[in-house]
N, C-alpha and C. Protein backbone atom coordinates (compact mmCIF):
# COMPACT_ATOMS: atom_id res chain seq x y z
N UNK A 1 15.34 -11.86 5.88
CA UNK A 1 15.15 -10.58 6.53
C UNK A 1 15.65 -9.45 5.62
N UNK A 2 16.75 -9.68 4.89
CA UNK A 2 17.26 -8.66 3.98
C UNK A 2 16.25 -8.36 2.89
N UNK A 3 15.55 -9.41 2.40
CA UNK A 3 14.54 -9.21 1.36
C UNK A 3 13.42 -8.33 1.87
N UNK A 4 12.96 -8.56 3.08
CA UNK A 4 11.87 -7.76 3.64
C UNK A 4 12.31 -6.32 3.80
N UNK A 5 13.52 -6.09 4.28
CA UNK A 5 14.01 -4.72 4.42
C UNK A 5 14.13 -4.05 3.06
N UNK A 6 14.57 -4.80 2.04
CA UNK A 6 14.67 -4.24 0.70
C UNK A 6 13.29 -3.86 0.18
N UNK A 7 12.30 -4.73 0.37
CA UNK A 7 10.93 -4.44 -0.06
C UNK A 7 10.41 -3.21 0.68
N UNK A 8 10.64 -3.15 1.98
CA UNK A 8 10.17 -2.01 2.77
C UNK A 8 10.83 -0.73 2.30
N UNK A 9 12.12 -0.76 2.06
CA UNK A 9 12.82 0.43 1.60
C UNK A 9 12.33 0.85 0.22
N UNK A 10 12.10 -0.12 -0.66
CA UNK A 10 11.59 0.17 -1.99
C UNK A 10 10.23 0.84 -1.92
N UNK A 11 9.38 0.33 -1.03
CA UNK A 11 8.04 0.90 -0.87
C UNK A 11 8.13 2.32 -0.35
N UNK A 12 9.00 2.57 0.61
CA UNK A 12 9.14 3.91 1.17
C UNK A 12 9.60 4.89 0.10
N UNK A 13 10.58 4.50 -0.69
CA UNK A 13 11.09 5.38 -1.74
C UNK A 13 10.01 5.64 -2.77
N UNK A 14 9.27 4.60 -3.17
CA UNK A 14 8.22 4.75 -4.16
C UNK A 14 7.16 5.72 -3.68
N UNK A 15 6.69 5.57 -2.45
CA UNK A 15 5.62 6.42 -1.97
C UNK A 15 6.11 7.82 -1.60
N UNK A 16 7.36 7.94 -1.21
CA UNK A 16 7.90 9.26 -0.91
C UNK A 16 8.07 10.09 -2.17
N UNK A 17 8.27 9.43 -3.31
CA UNK A 17 8.48 10.16 -4.55
C UNK A 17 7.20 10.43 -5.32
N UNK A 18 6.05 9.97 -4.82
CA UNK A 18 4.78 10.13 -5.51
C UNK A 18 3.89 11.07 -4.72
N UNK A 19 3.40 12.09 -5.40
CA UNK A 19 2.49 13.03 -4.76
C UNK A 19 1.09 12.76 -5.26
N UNK A 20 0.14 12.63 -4.34
CA UNK A 20 -1.24 12.38 -4.69
C UNK A 20 -2.10 13.46 -4.07
N UNK A 21 -2.96 14.08 -4.87
CA UNK A 21 -3.88 15.09 -4.37
C UNK A 21 -5.30 14.60 -4.56
N UNK A 22 -6.09 14.61 -3.51
CA UNK A 22 -7.48 14.17 -3.59
C UNK A 22 -8.39 15.37 -3.44
N UNK A 23 -9.46 15.37 -4.21
CA UNK A 23 -10.46 16.41 -4.08
C UNK A 23 -11.50 15.93 -3.09
N UNK A 24 -11.79 16.69 -2.03
CA UNK A 24 -12.76 16.23 -1.04
C UNK A 24 -14.13 16.00 -1.65
N UNK A 25 -14.80 14.98 -1.19
CA UNK A 25 -16.15 14.71 -1.64
C UNK A 25 -17.13 15.56 -0.84
N UNK A 26 -18.42 15.45 -1.15
CA UNK A 26 -19.44 16.20 -0.42
C UNK A 26 -19.49 15.76 1.04
N UNK A 27 -19.20 14.49 1.30
CA UNK A 27 -19.13 14.00 2.67
C UNK A 27 -17.78 14.44 3.22
N UNK A 28 -17.77 15.28 4.22
CA UNK A 28 -16.52 15.84 4.72
C UNK A 28 -15.62 14.81 5.40
N UNK A 29 -16.12 13.61 5.66
CA UNK A 29 -15.31 12.59 6.32
C UNK A 29 -14.55 11.70 5.35
N UNK A 30 -14.85 11.76 4.07
CA UNK A 30 -14.17 10.89 3.12
C UNK A 30 -13.80 11.66 1.87
N UNK A 31 -12.82 11.13 1.15
CA UNK A 31 -12.50 11.64 -0.18
C UNK A 31 -12.67 10.48 -1.14
N UNK A 32 -13.00 10.79 -2.41
CA UNK A 32 -13.14 9.70 -3.38
C UNK A 32 -11.78 9.09 -3.69
N UNK A 33 -11.80 7.89 -4.23
CA UNK A 33 -10.55 7.27 -4.67
C UNK A 33 -10.03 8.07 -5.86
N UNK A 34 -8.79 8.48 -5.81
CA UNK A 34 -8.20 9.31 -6.85
C UNK A 34 -6.95 8.63 -7.36
N UNK A 35 -6.80 8.55 -8.67
CA UNK A 35 -5.62 7.91 -9.26
C UNK A 35 -4.68 8.97 -9.84
N UNK A 36 -3.42 8.93 -9.42
CA UNK A 36 -2.38 9.81 -9.95
C UNK A 36 -1.11 8.98 -10.09
N UNK A 37 -0.51 9.00 -11.29
CA UNK A 37 0.73 8.24 -11.53
C UNK A 37 0.61 6.79 -11.10
N UNK A 38 -0.51 6.17 -11.43
CA UNK A 38 -0.75 4.76 -11.14
C UNK A 38 -0.85 4.47 -9.64
N UNK A 39 -1.14 5.49 -8.83
CA UNK A 39 -1.35 5.31 -7.39
C UNK A 39 -2.76 5.76 -7.08
N UNK A 40 -3.51 4.93 -6.35
CA UNK A 40 -4.86 5.29 -5.93
C UNK A 40 -4.82 5.61 -4.46
N UNK A 41 -5.45 6.72 -4.09
CA UNK A 41 -5.50 7.13 -2.69
C UNK A 41 -6.96 7.18 -2.28
N UNK A 42 -7.27 6.62 -1.13
CA UNK A 42 -8.63 6.61 -0.59
C UNK A 42 -8.50 6.98 0.88
N UNK A 43 -9.30 7.95 1.35
CA UNK A 43 -9.12 8.35 2.74
C UNK A 43 -10.42 8.78 3.39
N UNK A 44 -10.40 8.79 4.71
CA UNK A 44 -11.43 9.43 5.51
C UNK A 44 -10.68 10.31 6.51
N UNK A 45 -11.36 10.83 7.50
CA UNK A 45 -10.67 11.78 8.38
C UNK A 45 -9.60 11.13 9.26
N UNK A 46 -9.65 9.82 9.49
CA UNK A 46 -8.69 9.16 10.37
C UNK A 46 -7.68 8.27 9.67
N UNK A 47 -8.03 7.72 8.51
CA UNK A 47 -7.16 6.77 7.82
C UNK A 47 -7.07 7.10 6.34
N UNK A 48 -5.90 6.81 5.77
CA UNK A 48 -5.70 6.96 4.33
C UNK A 48 -5.00 5.69 3.84
N UNK A 49 -5.42 5.22 2.69
CA UNK A 49 -4.81 4.05 2.08
C UNK A 49 -4.36 4.41 0.68
N UNK A 50 -3.12 4.05 0.33
CA UNK A 50 -2.64 4.25 -1.03
C UNK A 50 -2.41 2.88 -1.65
N UNK A 51 -2.71 2.78 -2.94
CA UNK A 51 -2.56 1.54 -3.68
C UNK A 51 -1.72 1.82 -4.91
N UNK A 52 -0.68 1.03 -5.14
CA UNK A 52 0.16 1.14 -6.33
C UNK A 52 -0.12 -0.07 -7.20
N UNK A 53 -0.41 0.19 -8.50
CA UNK A 53 -0.74 -0.89 -9.42
C UNK A 53 0.38 -1.14 -10.43
N UNK A 54 0.43 -2.38 -10.95
CA UNK A 54 1.37 -2.68 -12.02
C UNK A 54 0.70 -2.40 -13.36
N UNK A 55 1.37 -2.72 -14.46
CA UNK A 55 0.85 -2.45 -15.79
C UNK A 55 -0.44 -3.19 -16.09
N UNK A 56 -0.68 -4.32 -15.41
CA UNK A 56 -1.92 -5.09 -15.61
C UNK A 56 -3.05 -4.61 -14.72
N UNK A 57 -2.81 -3.59 -13.92
CA UNK A 57 -3.84 -3.06 -13.03
C UNK A 57 -3.98 -3.81 -11.71
N UNK A 58 -3.03 -4.69 -11.41
CA UNK A 58 -3.07 -5.44 -10.15
C UNK A 58 -2.37 -4.63 -9.06
N UNK A 59 -2.88 -4.69 -7.84
CA UNK A 59 -2.25 -4.00 -6.72
C UNK A 59 -0.93 -4.68 -6.40
N UNK A 60 0.15 -3.90 -6.34
CA UNK A 60 1.46 -4.43 -5.96
C UNK A 60 1.90 -3.87 -4.60
N UNK A 61 1.34 -2.73 -4.19
CA UNK A 61 1.62 -2.16 -2.88
C UNK A 61 0.37 -1.51 -2.32
N UNK A 62 0.16 -1.68 -1.03
CA UNK A 62 -0.94 -1.04 -0.32
C UNK A 62 -0.37 -0.55 1.01
N UNK A 63 -0.49 0.75 1.26
CA UNK A 63 0.04 1.33 2.50
C UNK A 63 -1.10 2.04 3.22
N UNK A 64 -1.21 1.79 4.53
CA UNK A 64 -2.24 2.41 5.35
C UNK A 64 -1.58 3.42 6.28
N UNK A 65 -2.18 4.61 6.34
CA UNK A 65 -1.70 5.69 7.20
C UNK A 65 -2.79 6.06 8.19
N UNK A 66 -2.40 6.55 9.35
CA UNK A 66 -3.35 7.02 10.36
C UNK A 66 -3.04 8.49 10.65
N UNK A 67 -4.09 9.28 10.77
CA UNK A 67 -3.92 10.69 11.07
C UNK A 67 -3.74 10.87 12.57
N UNK A 68 -2.62 11.49 12.94
CA UNK A 68 -2.33 11.80 14.34
C UNK A 68 -1.93 13.28 14.38
N UNK A 69 -2.75 14.07 15.04
CA UNK A 69 -2.49 15.51 15.15
C UNK A 69 -2.27 16.16 13.78
N UNK A 70 -3.08 15.77 12.81
CA UNK A 70 -3.00 16.36 11.48
C UNK A 70 -1.89 15.83 10.59
N UNK A 71 -1.10 14.86 11.06
CA UNK A 71 -0.02 14.26 10.28
C UNK A 71 -0.42 12.85 9.87
N UNK A 72 -0.16 12.47 8.62
CA UNK A 72 -0.40 11.10 8.18
C UNK A 72 0.82 10.26 8.53
N UNK A 73 0.64 9.31 9.43
CA UNK A 73 1.72 8.42 9.86
C UNK A 73 1.48 7.02 9.32
N UNK A 74 2.50 6.39 8.68
CA UNK A 74 2.31 5.03 8.17
C UNK A 74 2.12 4.05 9.33
N UNK A 75 1.22 3.08 9.13
CA UNK A 75 1.02 2.06 10.17
C UNK A 75 1.24 0.65 9.66
N UNK A 76 1.01 0.40 8.38
CA UNK A 76 1.20 -0.95 7.85
C UNK A 76 1.22 -0.94 6.34
N UNK A 77 1.81 -1.98 5.76
CA UNK A 77 1.91 -2.06 4.31
C UNK A 77 1.85 -3.51 3.84
N UNK A 78 1.26 -3.68 2.67
CA UNK A 78 1.26 -4.95 1.96
C UNK A 78 2.06 -4.74 0.69
N UNK A 79 2.83 -5.73 0.28
CA UNK A 79 3.45 -5.73 -1.04
C UNK A 79 3.18 -7.09 -1.65
N UNK A 80 3.00 -7.10 -2.97
CA UNK A 80 2.68 -8.34 -3.66
C UNK A 80 3.69 -8.57 -4.78
N UNK A 81 4.24 -9.77 -4.80
CA UNK A 81 5.07 -10.21 -5.91
C UNK A 81 4.24 -11.21 -6.72
N UNK A 82 4.00 -10.89 -8.00
CA UNK A 82 3.24 -11.79 -8.87
C UNK A 82 4.23 -12.61 -9.68
N UNK A 83 4.22 -13.92 -9.47
CA UNK A 83 5.15 -14.80 -10.16
C UNK A 83 4.46 -15.75 -11.11
N UNK A 84 5.24 -16.56 -11.80
CA UNK A 84 4.71 -17.53 -12.75
C UNK A 84 3.83 -18.58 -12.07
N UNK A 85 4.33 -19.15 -10.96
CA UNK A 85 3.60 -20.23 -10.31
C UNK A 85 3.00 -19.84 -8.97
N UNK A 86 3.53 -18.78 -8.34
CA UNK A 86 2.97 -18.35 -7.07
C UNK A 86 3.05 -16.84 -6.92
N UNK A 87 2.11 -16.32 -6.15
CA UNK A 87 2.10 -14.90 -5.80
C UNK A 87 2.40 -14.82 -4.31
N UNK A 88 3.23 -13.87 -3.92
CA UNK A 88 3.64 -13.74 -2.52
C UNK A 88 3.20 -12.39 -1.99
N UNK A 89 2.46 -12.42 -0.89
CA UNK A 89 2.03 -11.20 -0.22
C UNK A 89 2.85 -11.06 1.05
N UNK A 90 3.44 -9.89 1.24
CA UNK A 90 4.20 -9.58 2.45
C UNK A 90 3.47 -8.47 3.18
N UNK A 91 3.24 -8.64 4.47
CA UNK A 91 2.64 -7.60 5.30
C UNK A 91 3.60 -7.26 6.42
N UNK A 92 3.73 -5.98 6.69
CA UNK A 92 4.57 -5.55 7.82
C UNK A 92 4.02 -4.26 8.39
N UNK A 93 4.25 -4.08 9.67
CA UNK A 93 3.86 -2.84 10.33
C UNK A 93 5.05 -1.88 10.32
N UNK A 94 4.75 -0.59 10.46
CA UNK A 94 5.77 0.44 10.47
C UNK A 94 6.59 0.38 11.75
N UNK A 95 7.89 0.38 11.60
CA UNK A 95 8.80 0.41 12.74
C UNK A 95 9.27 1.85 12.91
N UNK A 96 8.84 2.49 13.98
CA UNK A 96 9.16 3.90 14.21
C UNK A 96 10.66 4.14 14.39
N UNK A 97 11.36 3.16 14.94
CA UNK A 97 12.79 3.33 15.20
C UNK A 97 13.63 3.29 13.92
N UNK A 98 13.33 2.33 13.04
CA UNK A 98 14.12 2.18 11.82
C UNK A 98 13.49 2.89 10.62
N UNK A 99 12.26 3.39 10.78
CA UNK A 99 11.54 4.06 9.70
C UNK A 99 11.38 3.16 8.47
N UNK A 100 11.03 1.89 8.74
CA UNK A 100 10.80 0.93 7.67
C UNK A 100 9.59 0.08 8.02
N UNK A 101 9.04 -0.58 7.03
CA UNK A 101 7.96 -1.54 7.26
C UNK A 101 8.58 -2.91 7.54
N UNK A 102 9.03 -3.13 8.77
CA UNK A 102 9.69 -4.39 9.12
C UNK A 102 9.11 -5.03 10.37
N UNK A 103 8.30 -4.32 11.13
CA UNK A 103 7.79 -4.85 12.40
C UNK A 103 6.71 -5.89 12.12
N UNK A 104 6.81 -7.04 12.78
CA UNK A 104 5.84 -8.14 12.65
C UNK A 104 5.60 -8.54 11.20
N UNK A 105 6.64 -8.60 10.40
CA UNK A 105 6.52 -8.95 8.98
C UNK A 105 6.14 -10.42 8.82
N UNK A 106 5.21 -10.66 7.91
CA UNK A 106 4.78 -12.03 7.58
C UNK A 106 4.58 -12.13 6.08
N UNK A 107 4.71 -13.35 5.57
CA UNK A 107 4.48 -13.61 4.15
C UNK A 107 3.45 -14.70 3.99
N UNK A 108 2.68 -14.59 2.91
CA UNK A 108 1.71 -15.62 2.54
C UNK A 108 1.90 -15.93 1.07
N UNK A 109 1.97 -17.21 0.74
CA UNK A 109 2.16 -17.66 -0.64
C UNK A 109 0.84 -18.18 -1.19
N UNK A 110 0.53 -17.79 -2.44
CA UNK A 110 -0.70 -18.21 -3.10
C UNK A 110 -0.35 -18.79 -4.47
N UNK A 111 -1.06 -19.85 -4.86
CA UNK A 111 -0.90 -20.41 -6.20
C UNK A 111 -1.41 -19.36 -7.20
N UNK A 112 -0.60 -19.00 -8.17
CA UNK A 112 -0.98 -17.92 -9.09
C UNK A 112 -2.13 -18.31 -10.02
N UNK A 113 -2.33 -19.61 -10.24
CA UNK A 113 -3.47 -20.02 -11.07
C UNK A 113 -4.78 -19.90 -10.30
N UNK A 114 -4.75 -20.23 -9.01
CA UNK A 114 -5.95 -20.12 -8.18
C UNK A 114 -6.23 -18.69 -7.75
N UNK A 115 -5.18 -17.89 -7.58
CA UNK A 115 -5.30 -16.51 -7.12
C UNK A 115 -4.49 -15.58 -8.04
N UNK A 116 -5.01 -15.30 -9.25
CA UNK A 116 -4.26 -14.44 -10.17
C UNK A 116 -4.14 -13.00 -9.68
N UNK A 117 -5.12 -12.54 -8.89
CA UNK A 117 -5.07 -11.21 -8.29
C UNK A 117 -5.27 -11.40 -6.79
N UNK A 118 -4.33 -10.86 -5.98
CA UNK A 118 -4.35 -11.12 -4.56
C UNK A 118 -5.02 -9.97 -3.79
N UNK A 119 -4.70 -8.73 -4.12
CA UNK A 119 -5.30 -7.55 -3.47
C UNK A 119 -6.05 -6.73 -4.50
N UNK A 120 -7.11 -6.08 -4.08
CA UNK A 120 -7.85 -5.20 -4.98
C UNK A 120 -7.87 -3.79 -4.41
N UNK A 121 -8.10 -2.84 -5.30
CA UNK A 121 -8.15 -1.43 -4.88
C UNK A 121 -9.57 -0.90 -5.06
N UNK A 122 -9.89 0.23 -4.43
CA UNK A 122 -11.20 0.82 -4.66
C UNK A 122 -11.33 1.30 -6.09
N UNK A 123 -12.53 1.46 -6.55
CA UNK A 123 -12.77 1.95 -7.91
C UNK A 123 -12.23 3.36 -8.05
N UNK A 124 -11.58 3.62 -9.14
CA UNK A 124 -11.01 4.94 -9.38
C UNK A 124 -12.11 5.95 -9.62
């Protein structure tokens, strides 16, 4: 449980310190995927997803936000640990009380040879 809280806190700090600006596309309901400081943001009028990549271009964090009264509120996050023999994906929902991604947290382990990349991001 401490590991999950540490991952959630790390993700919150990382995304709070990164500013991403998207230029609206011609379709007023969506914006194109925009990369800033190794973070890709993709959104429509109701949902926004941010993707953080490592040096190899693999997704290491994915956070989904929902627009409520003009505010982007976090709803869920994935984090990926890429290891020598296995890759671990952690998913958790946002806990409004603790302000962390700890609600309903689950982990899935994948063989790194069979699944060298676990999550993908939209094209930049």
